[in-house]
Protein backbone atom coordinates (compact mmCIF):
# COMPACT_ATOMS: atom_id res chain seq x y z
CA UNK A 1 -48.21 -44.50 5.78
CA UNK A 2 -50.58 -41.95 7.32
CA UNK A 3 -48.80 -42.35 10.68
CA UNK A 4 -45.39 -41.76 9.05
CA UNK A 5 -46.68 -38.60 7.36
CA UNK A 6 -48.07 -37.36 10.70
CA UNK A 7 -44.70 -38.03 12.34
CA UNK A 8 -42.78 -36.21 9.61
CA UNK A 9 -45.19 -33.29 9.37
CA UNK A 10 -43.63 -31.19 12.18
CA UNK A 11 -40.18 -31.60 10.61
CA UNK A 12 -41.47 -30.70 7.15
CA UNK A 13 -43.28 -27.64 8.52
CA UNK A 14 -40.16 -26.64 10.47
CA UNK A 15 -37.95 -26.95 7.39
CA UNK A 16 -40.46 -24.98 5.32
CA UNK A 17 -40.64 -22.28 7.99
CA UNK A 18 -36.81 -22.06 8.13
CA UNK A 19 -36.67 -21.74 4.34
CA UNK A 20 -39.40 -19.09 4.35
CA UNK A 21 -37.70 -17.15 7.16
CA UNK A 22 -34.33 -17.28 5.45
CA UNK A 23 -35.85 -16.21 2.13
CA UNK A 24 -37.54 -13.25 3.82
CA UNK A 25 -34.24 -12.29 5.40
CA UNK A 26 -32.44 -12.47 2.04
CA UNK A 27 -35.07 -10.24 0.45
CA UNK A 28 -34.56 -7.79 3.32
CA UNK A 29 -30.77 -7.86 2.76
CA UNK A 30 -31.25 -7.08 -0.94
CA UNK A 31 -33.51 -4.21 0.09
CA UNK A 32 -30.73 -2.79 2.23
CA UNK A 33 -28.61 -2.55 -0.93
CA UNK A 34 -31.59 -1.01 -2.85
CA UNK A 35 -31.68 -4.16 -5.01
CA UNK A 36 -34.88 -5.79 -6.30
CA UNK A 37 -36.03 -9.18 -4.98
CA UNK A 38 -35.46 -10.85 -8.37
CA UNK A 39 -31.69 -10.63 -7.81
CA UNK A 40 -32.07 -13.56 -5.40
CA UNK A 41 -31.93 -15.76 -8.49
CA UNK A 42 -28.74 -14.28 -9.93
CA UNK A 43 -26.75 -17.45 -10.83
CA UNK A 44 -23.29 -15.98 -10.26
CA UNK A 45 -24.19 -14.62 -6.82
CA UNK A 46 -25.83 -17.90 -5.82
CA UNK A 47 -22.81 -19.87 -6.97
CA UNK A 48 -20.65 -17.68 -4.72
CA UNK A 49 -23.02 -18.23 -1.81
CA UNK A 50 -23.43 -21.97 -2.20
CA UNK A 51 -20.23 -23.27 -3.71
CA UNK A 52 -17.38 -24.89 -1.83
CA UNK A 53 -14.55 -22.87 -3.35
CA UNK A 54 -11.85 -22.19 -0.77
CA UNK A 55 -12.72 -18.55 -0.04
CA UNK A 56 -16.30 -19.39 0.93
CA UNK A 57 -15.80 -22.55 2.95
CA UNK A 58 -17.49 -22.45 6.34
CA UNK A 59 -14.17 -22.66 8.15
CA UNK A 60 -12.68 -19.73 6.26
CA UNK A 61 -15.73 -17.49 6.56
CA UNK A 62 -16.53 -18.08 10.20
CA UNK A 63 -12.91 -18.11 11.32
CA UNK A 64 -12.65 -14.56 9.96
CA UNK A 65 -15.86 -13.62 11.81
CA UNK A 66 -14.54 -15.25 14.97
CA UNK A 67 -11.18 -13.45 14.78
CA UNK A 68 -13.04 -10.13 14.49
CA UNK A 69 -15.47 -11.05 17.29
CA UNK A 70 -14.12 -8.39 19.64
CA UNK A 71 -14.45 -5.38 17.37
CA UNK A 72 -17.33 -6.18 14.97
CA UNK A 73 -19.96 -4.72 17.37
CA UNK A 74 -17.98 -1.45 17.53
CA UNK A 75 -17.73 -1.28 13.72
CA UNK A 76 -21.48 -2.01 13.36
CA UNK A 77 -22.32 0.76 15.84
CA UNK A 78 -20.22 3.29 13.91
CA UNK A 79 -21.94 2.34 10.64
CA UNK A 80 -25.38 2.64 12.29
CA UNK A 81 -24.50 6.01 13.79
CA UNK A 82 -23.60 7.26 10.33
CA UNK A 83 -26.75 5.89 8.68
CA UNK A 84 -24.97 3.08 6.80
CA UNK A 85 -27.01 -0.16 6.35
CA UNK A 86 -25.51 -2.87 8.61
CA UNK A 87 -25.11 -5.23 5.63
CA UNK A 88 -22.40 -2.93 4.25
CA UNK A 89 -20.22 -4.22 7.08
CA UNK A 90 -19.39 -7.05 4.67
CA UNK A 91 -17.53 -4.64 2.41
CA UNK A 92 -14.82 -4.89 5.07
CA UNK A 93 -14.85 -8.68 4.80
CA UNK A 94 -14.66 -8.53 1.00
CA UNK A 95 -11.83 -5.99 1.23
CA UNK A 96 -9.69 -7.34 4.06
CA UNK A 97 -11.32 -10.46 5.50
CA UNK A 98 -11.96 -8.36 8.64
CA UNK A 99 -8.23 -7.90 9.24
CA UNK A 100 -6.91 -4.52 10.36
CA UNK A 101 -3.41 -5.53 9.23
CA UNK A 102 -4.41 -6.38 5.64
CA UNK A 103 -2.11 -4.84 3.02
CA UNK A 104 -2.41 -5.07 -0.77
CA UNK A 105 0.20 -4.92 -3.52
CA UNK A 106 -1.49 -1.68 -4.63
CA UNK A 107 -0.57 -0.19 -1.20
CA UNK A 108 -4.13 -0.23 0.12
CA UNK A 109 -4.23 -1.03 3.83
CA UNK A 110 -6.42 -1.77 6.81
CA UNK A 111 -9.93 -3.04 7.44
CA UNK A 112 -11.42 -0.91 4.63
CA UNK A 113 -8.36 -1.04 2.33
CA UNK A 114 -7.81 2.71 1.94
CA UNK A 115 -5.12 3.99 -0.40
CA UNK A 116 -2.82 6.57 1.31
CA UNK A 117 -4.20 9.51 -0.69
CA UNK A 118 -7.86 8.64 0.02
CA UNK A 119 -7.03 8.01 3.69
CA UNK A 120 -5.53 11.48 4.12
CA UNK A 121 -8.47 12.99 2.24
CA UNK A 122 -10.77 11.58 4.92
CA UNK A 123 -8.62 12.75 7.84
CA UNK A 124 -6.53 9.65 8.55
CA UNK A 125 -2.87 10.09 9.53
CA UNK A 126 -0.31 8.04 7.60
CA UNK A 127 3.24 8.82 8.72
CA UNK A 128 6.29 7.31 10.44
CA UNK A 129 4.48 6.87 13.73
CA UNK A 130 0.94 5.84 12.82
CA UNK A 131 -1.05 4.41 9.95
CA UNK A 132 -4.65 5.14 10.87
CA UNK A 133 -5.91 3.07 7.97
CA UNK A 134 -5.31 0.24 10.46
CA UNK A 135 -7.20 2.09 13.20
CA UNK A 136 -10.44 0.10 13.39
CA UNK A 137 -12.50 3.05 14.70
CA UNK A 138 -11.02 5.98 12.76
CA UNK A 139 -10.89 3.99 9.51
CA UNK A 140 -14.54 2.93 9.94
CA UNK A 141 -15.53 6.56 10.54
CA UNK A 142 -13.65 7.48 7.34
CA UNK A 143 -15.26 4.61 5.39
CA UNK A 144 -18.69 5.75 6.60
CA UNK A 145 -18.07 9.28 5.32
CA UNK A 146 -16.78 7.91 2.02
CA UNK A 147 -19.79 5.59 1.56
CA UNK A 148 -22.22 8.37 2.45
CA UNK A 149 -20.56 10.62 -0.12
CA UNK A 150 -20.87 7.88 -2.75
CA UNK A 151 -24.54 7.33 -1.82
CA UNK A 152 -25.21 11.07 -2.07
CA UNK A 153 -23.64 11.03 -5.54
CA UNK A 154 -25.37 7.92 -6.93
CA UNK A 155 -28.56 7.58 -4.83
CA UNK A 156 -28.46 3.79 -4.37
CA UNK A 157 -26.43 1.69 -1.97
CA UNK A 158 -25.47 -0.96 -4.53
CA UNK A 159 -23.99 1.82 -6.68
CA UNK A 160 -22.06 3.13 -3.66
CA UNK A 161 -20.61 -0.38 -3.14
CA UNK A 162 -19.61 -0.69 -6.80
CA UNK A 163 -18.02 2.79 -6.73
CA UNK A 164 -16.13 1.81 -3.57
CA UNK A 165 -14.47 -0.86 -5.67
CA UNK A 166 -13.89 0.79 -9.05
CA UNK A 167 -14.09 4.50 -8.23
CA UNK A 168 -16.86 7.05 -8.73
CA UNK A 169 -15.42 8.34 -12.01
CA UNK A 170 -15.41 4.92 -13.66
CA UNK A 171 -18.94 4.17 -12.44
CA UNK A 172 -20.24 7.56 -13.65
CA UNK A 173 -18.87 6.86 -17.12
CA UNK A 174 -20.39 3.36 -17.06
CA UNK A 175 -23.85 4.72 -16.16
CA UNK A 176 -23.56 7.33 -18.89
CA UNK A 177 -22.50 4.71 -21.43
CA UNK A 178 -25.29 2.30 -20.42
CA UNK A 179 -27.81 5.12 -20.15
CA UNK A 180 -28.99 3.35 -17.00
CA UNK A 181 -28.00 2.73 -13.40
CA UNK A 182 -29.98 -0.50 -13.11
CA UNK A 183 -27.91 -3.31 -11.62
CA UNK A 184 -28.96 -5.87 -14.24
CA UNK A 185 -27.79 -3.53 -17.01
CA UNK A 186 -24.48 -2.64 -15.37
CA UNK A 187 -23.71 -6.33 -14.74
CA UNK A 188 -24.09 -7.26 -18.41
CA UNK A 189 -21.00 -9.46 -19.09
CA UNK A 190 -21.04 -8.74 -22.82
CA UNK A 191 -21.40 -4.96 -22.65
CA UNK A 192 -18.82 -4.77 -19.83
CA UNK A 193 -19.97 -1.36 -18.63
CA UNK A 194 -18.10 -1.92 -15.36
CA UNK A 195 -14.93 -4.04 -14.89
CA UNK A 196 -15.30 -7.78 -14.27
CA UNK A 197 -13.76 -7.31 -10.82
CA UNK A 198 -16.56 -4.89 -9.88
CA UNK A 199 -19.26 -7.18 -11.33
CA UNK A 200 -18.00 -9.92 -9.04
CA UNK A 201 -17.37 -7.55 -6.12
CA UNK A 202 -20.98 -6.43 -5.63
CA UNK A 203 -22.12 -10.06 -5.78
CA UNK A 204 -19.43 -11.09 -3.29
CA UNK A 205 -20.48 -8.46 -0.75
CA UNK A 206 -24.15 -9.51 -1.05
CA UNK A 207 -23.27 -13.22 -0.79
CA UNK A 208 -21.17 -12.58 2.32
CA UNK A 209 -24.00 -10.57 3.90
CA UNK A 210 -26.43 -13.42 3.24
CA UNK A 211 -24.09 -16.07 4.66
CA UNK A 212 -23.34 -13.91 7.69
CA UNK A 213 -27.05 -13.52 8.45
CA UNK A 214 -28.01 -17.15 7.79
CA UNK A 215 -28.98 -18.52 11.21
CA UNK A 216 -29.36 -22.09 9.94
CA UNK A 217 -25.85 -21.96 8.50
CA UNK A 218 -24.54 -20.69 11.83
CA UNK A 219 -26.37 -23.34 13.81
CA UNK A 220 -24.80 -26.07 11.67
CA UNK A 221 -21.28 -24.70 12.22
CA UNK A 222 -19.04 -24.80 15.26
CA UNK A 223 -19.39 -21.02 15.47
CA UNK A 224 -22.95 -20.99 16.81
CA UNK A 225 -21.81 -18.56 19.51
CA UNK A 226 -21.64 -15.84 16.85
CA UNK A 227 -25.45 -15.74 16.96
CA UNK A 228 -25.17 -14.37 20.49
CA UNK A 229 -22.64 -11.68 19.59
CA UNK A 230 -23.61 -8.62 21.59
CA UNK A 231 -24.39 -5.34 19.86
CA UNK A 232 -22.82 -3.39 22.71
CA UNK A 233 -19.33 -2.12 22.02
CA UNK A 234 -16.63 -4.40 23.41
CA UNK A 235 -13.87 -1.84 22.82
CA UNK A 236 -13.08 1.21 24.93
CA UNK A 237 -11.16 4.28 23.81
CA UNK A 238 -8.74 5.73 26.38
CA UNK A 239 -6.48 8.76 26.14
CA UNK A 240 -2.76 8.46 26.96
CA UNK A 241 0.08 11.02 26.72
CA UNK A 242 2.54 11.28 23.85
CA UNK A 243 5.27 8.66 23.93
CA UNK A 244 3.25 6.22 26.06
CA UNK A 245 4.34 2.63 25.60
CA UNK A 246 1.89 -0.20 24.89
CA UNK A 247 4.15 -2.52 26.90
CA UNK A 248 3.76 -0.28 29.94
CA UNK A 249 -0.05 -0.11 29.55
CA UNK A 250 -0.08 -3.89 29.15
CA UNK A 251 1.80 -4.41 32.43
CA UNK A 252 -0.12 -1.80 34.41
CA UNK A 253 -3.60 -2.89 33.38
CA UNK A 254 -2.99 -6.61 32.85
CA UNK A 255 -3.88 -6.79 29.16
CA UNK A 256 -1.88 -9.33 27.13
CA UNK A 257 0.48 -7.35 24.91
CA UNK A 258 -0.57 -9.37 21.84
CA UNK A 259 -4.23 -8.41 22.39
CA UNK A 260 -3.33 -4.76 22.96
CA UNK A 261 -1.22 -4.63 19.80
CA UNK A 262 -4.00 -6.32 17.84
CA UNK A 263 -6.39 -3.52 18.82
CA UNK A 264 -3.79 -0.83 18.08
CA UNK A 265 -2.16 -1.97 14.84
CA UNK A 266 -2.20 1.63 13.64
CA UNK A 267 0.75 2.36 15.95
CA UNK A 268 3.92 1.67 13.95
CA UNK A 269 6.06 1.77 17.08
CA UNK A 270 5.45 0.52 20.60
CA UNK A 271 4.63 4.10 21.63
CA UNK A 272 2.10 6.77 20.72
CA UNK A 273 3.19 9.62 18.41
CA UNK A 274 5.45 12.19 20.13
CA UNK A 275 4.18 15.16 18.13
CA UNK A 276 0.75 15.19 19.86
CA UNK A 277 0.11 16.01 23.51
CA UNK A 278 -2.16 12.95 23.82
CA UNK A 279 -3.46 10.11 21.68
CA UNK A 280 -6.32 7.59 21.78
CA UNK A 281 -5.61 3.89 22.13
CA UNK A 282 -8.06 0.99 22.38
CA UNK A 283 -8.47 -1.56 25.16
CA UNK A 284 -11.08 -4.28 25.77
CA UNK A 285 -14.18 -2.81 27.43
CA UNK A 286 -13.89 -5.28 30.30
CA UNK A 287 -10.55 -3.66 31.22
CA UNK A 288 -11.83 -0.07 31.33
CA UNK A 289 -12.50 -0.01 35.07
CA UNK A 290 -9.08 -1.51 35.79
CA UNK A 291 -7.44 1.05 33.48
CA UNK A 292 -9.06 3.89 35.41
CA UNK A 293 -7.85 2.43 38.71
CA UNK A 294 -4.30 1.44 37.79
CA UNK A 295 -3.08 3.65 34.95
CA UNK A 296 -0.93 6.68 35.71
CA UNK A 297 1.33 8.80 33.54
CA UNK A 298 5.05 8.11 33.80
CA UNK A 299 6.96 11.35 33.36
CA UNK A 300 10.02 9.53 32.04
CA UNK A 301 8.10 9.09 28.78
CA UNK A 302 8.67 12.80 28.21
CA UNK A 303 12.47 12.57 28.57
CA UNK A 304 14.75 12.99 25.58
CA UNK A 305 18.44 12.09 25.50
CA UNK A 306 21.00 14.28 23.77
CA UNK A 307 23.48 12.18 21.83
CA UNK A 308 26.74 13.80 20.68
CA UNK A 309 27.90 12.24 17.43
CA UNK A 310 31.33 10.64 17.70
CA UNK A 311 33.64 9.05 15.12
CA UNK A 312 32.07 6.02 13.44
CA UNK A 313 28.51 6.90 14.44
CA UNK A 314 25.67 6.46 11.94
CA UNK A 315 21.92 6.86 12.32
CA UNK A 316 21.63 3.07 12.18
CA UNK A 317 24.21 2.45 14.95
CA UNK A 318 22.73 5.19 17.15
CA UNK A 319 19.23 3.78 16.65
CA UNK A 320 20.48 0.32 17.61
CA UNK A 321 22.16 1.73 20.72
CA UNK A 322 18.90 3.25 21.97
CA UNK A 323 16.62 0.48 20.59
CA UNK A 324 14.63 2.80 18.33
CA UNK A 325 14.29 3.20 14.59
CA UNK A 326 16.99 5.30 12.88
CA UNK A 327 14.13 6.88 10.85
CA UNK A 328 12.64 8.22 14.09
CA UNK A 329 15.94 9.89 14.99
CA UNK A 330 16.09 11.42 11.52
CA UNK A 331 12.51 12.65 11.83
CA UNK A 332 12.90 14.06 15.35
CA UNK A 333 15.90 16.07 14.28
CA UNK A 334 14.43 17.18 10.92
CA UNK A 335 17.42 15.76 9.06
CA UNK A 336 17.17 15.94 5.27
CA UNK A 337 20.00 13.44 4.78
CA UNK A 338 21.53 10.56 6.74
CA UNK A 339 25.03 12.05 6.85
CA UNK A 340 26.15 13.15 10.34
CA UNK A 341 28.83 15.57 11.51
CA UNK A 342 31.33 15.04 14.31
CA UNK A 343 30.04 16.52 17.62
CA UNK A 344 26.59 17.06 16.10
CA UNK A 345 23.88 16.94 18.79
CA UNK A 346 20.88 14.69 18.17
CA UNK A 347 17.68 14.50 20.21
CA UNK A 348 16.83 10.86 21.00
CA UNK A 349 13.25 10.06 22.07
CA UNK A 350 13.33 7.45 24.81
CA UNK A 351 10.30 5.19 24.58
CA UNK A 352 10.71 2.95 27.64
CA UNK A 353 12.25 2.74 31.11
CA UNK A 354 15.15 0.56 29.97
CA UNK A 355 16.34 3.35 27.74
CA UNK A 356 16.04 5.90 30.53
CA UNK A 357 18.89 4.10 32.32
CA UNK A 358 21.16 5.05 29.43
CA UNK A 359 20.67 8.74 30.13
CA UNK A 360 23.37 11.00 31.46
CA UNK A 361 22.55 13.67 34.00
CA UNK A 362 21.69 16.00 31.12
CA UNK A 363 18.24 15.46 29.70
CA UNK A 364 15.40 17.29 27.98
CA UNK A 365 11.75 17.63 28.89
CA UNK A 366 8.95 18.14 26.35
CA UNK A 367 6.48 20.77 27.60
CA UNK A 368 2.88 19.51 27.74
CA UNK A 369 -0.43 21.37 27.88
CA UNK A 370 -0.91 22.93 31.32
CA UNK A 371 2.78 22.84 32.27
CA UNK A 372 4.39 25.84 33.98
CA UNK A 373 8.01 26.45 34.97
CA UNK A 374 6.97 26.02 38.58
CA UNK A 375 5.23 22.65 38.00
CA UNK A 376 8.22 21.35 35.98
CA UNK A 377 10.57 22.64 38.68
CA UNK A 378 8.71 20.72 41.42
CA UNK A 379 8.37 17.57 39.34
CA UNK A 380 12.07 17.34 38.49
CA UNK A 381 13.53 19.06 41.59
CA UNK A 382 15.24 21.73 39.56
CA UNK A 383 14.94 25.41 40.45
CA UNK A 384 12.94 27.71 38.17
CA UNK A 385 16.02 29.93 37.88
CA UNK A 386 18.17 27.00 36.68
CA UNK A 387 15.59 26.16 34.00
CA UNK A 388 15.56 29.80 32.86
CA UNK A 389 19.37 29.95 32.68
CA UNK A 390 19.77 26.57 30.93
CA UNK A 391 17.20 27.53 28.28
CA UNK A 392 17.93 31.29 28.04
CA UNK A 393 14.40 32.25 29.05
CA UNK A 394 13.59 35.86 29.94
CA UNK A 395 10.24 35.22 31.61
CA UNK A 396 7.90 32.44 32.78
CA UNK A 397 6.14 31.87 29.45
CA UNK A 398 6.67 28.44 27.83
CA UNK A 399 4.96 26.91 24.81
CA UNK A 400 3.50 23.42 24.53
CA UNK A 401 5.90 21.19 22.58
CA UNK A 402 9.03 23.16 23.53
CA UNK A 403 12.04 21.07 24.63
CA UNK A 404 13.55 22.30 27.89
CA UNK A 405 17.05 21.36 29.01
CA UNK A 406 16.99 20.40 32.71
């Protein structure tokens, strides 16, 4: 018997050490939320952490982590830069399951599930060309500002998380009604100071943070490689001109188009917005050197076709002809209605080389920053005088964004 005990002793000590280490880590995680150690024994939170309900099965949890493997380090770095505890990363998992394309019936969207109004309040563009709620970097910057504002208002991170779910106004009223901001008081199921959804939400975020930092759990799963996930950013931001096509970048740099689109879900079209002189897109960090070597601007991306409306034309049929959305044509031409007039001239933005073949000899060029009549003249082999005459220009001055007939 003594020999058996001696043989088992290392295993027992190892198991005890693992339990102690994990317990210490869980206490640390609670501290990151400004929550007392006693919350470790909250039965609802522990049921979430330990149960086998579908949403918390190993396969579901770690598959989501694995799918987000490429961009999680970037998101963590942004949170750290903005002074957000790393455990609050799991708000994104609770909100969207780490999916940039997540969309709710309430019209919240993206990794952090911003509503359109809140998104715009924090500087995110939501229009016909982009939805930056799906921009993993810009939306994380916005979420960091939002969380910091909530923390400044309430003074504790667990309150900021609750307010993220139910809104600062509702939480303020709950604290006033309870005459306390203690978590145990606010979670009272009978008093219902905060909605049931929010009572479960804060527990869910904590449970996810504990599972995601449980090394023993990781070691037992097929996703052990997540333990070695680098903290260095695996995403690079590169600047491309307006109208640049993701398909073209994909071919030039050798990035699978599916991977490129996955990193740039905020682009509603294949191309970057035409109303800005340049725009940031994201590529895998390992492709940055290749991008610098192989990428070059294609001037045809700045060409616009003039379409003269003929009998039977509609915005839909014209859009189909040029392989672009009829809404884009409407937007480019500032049309208030869809009705067209015979011989009406419409500007058609051409987003790829295939469409350029459909051009007649008459085309338009969108002036970019740094352009001069002389540089445009050389680029397109048209005399400066011809450009002046075609566009009724008196001098050499041209403004960025102006459309020149060539």
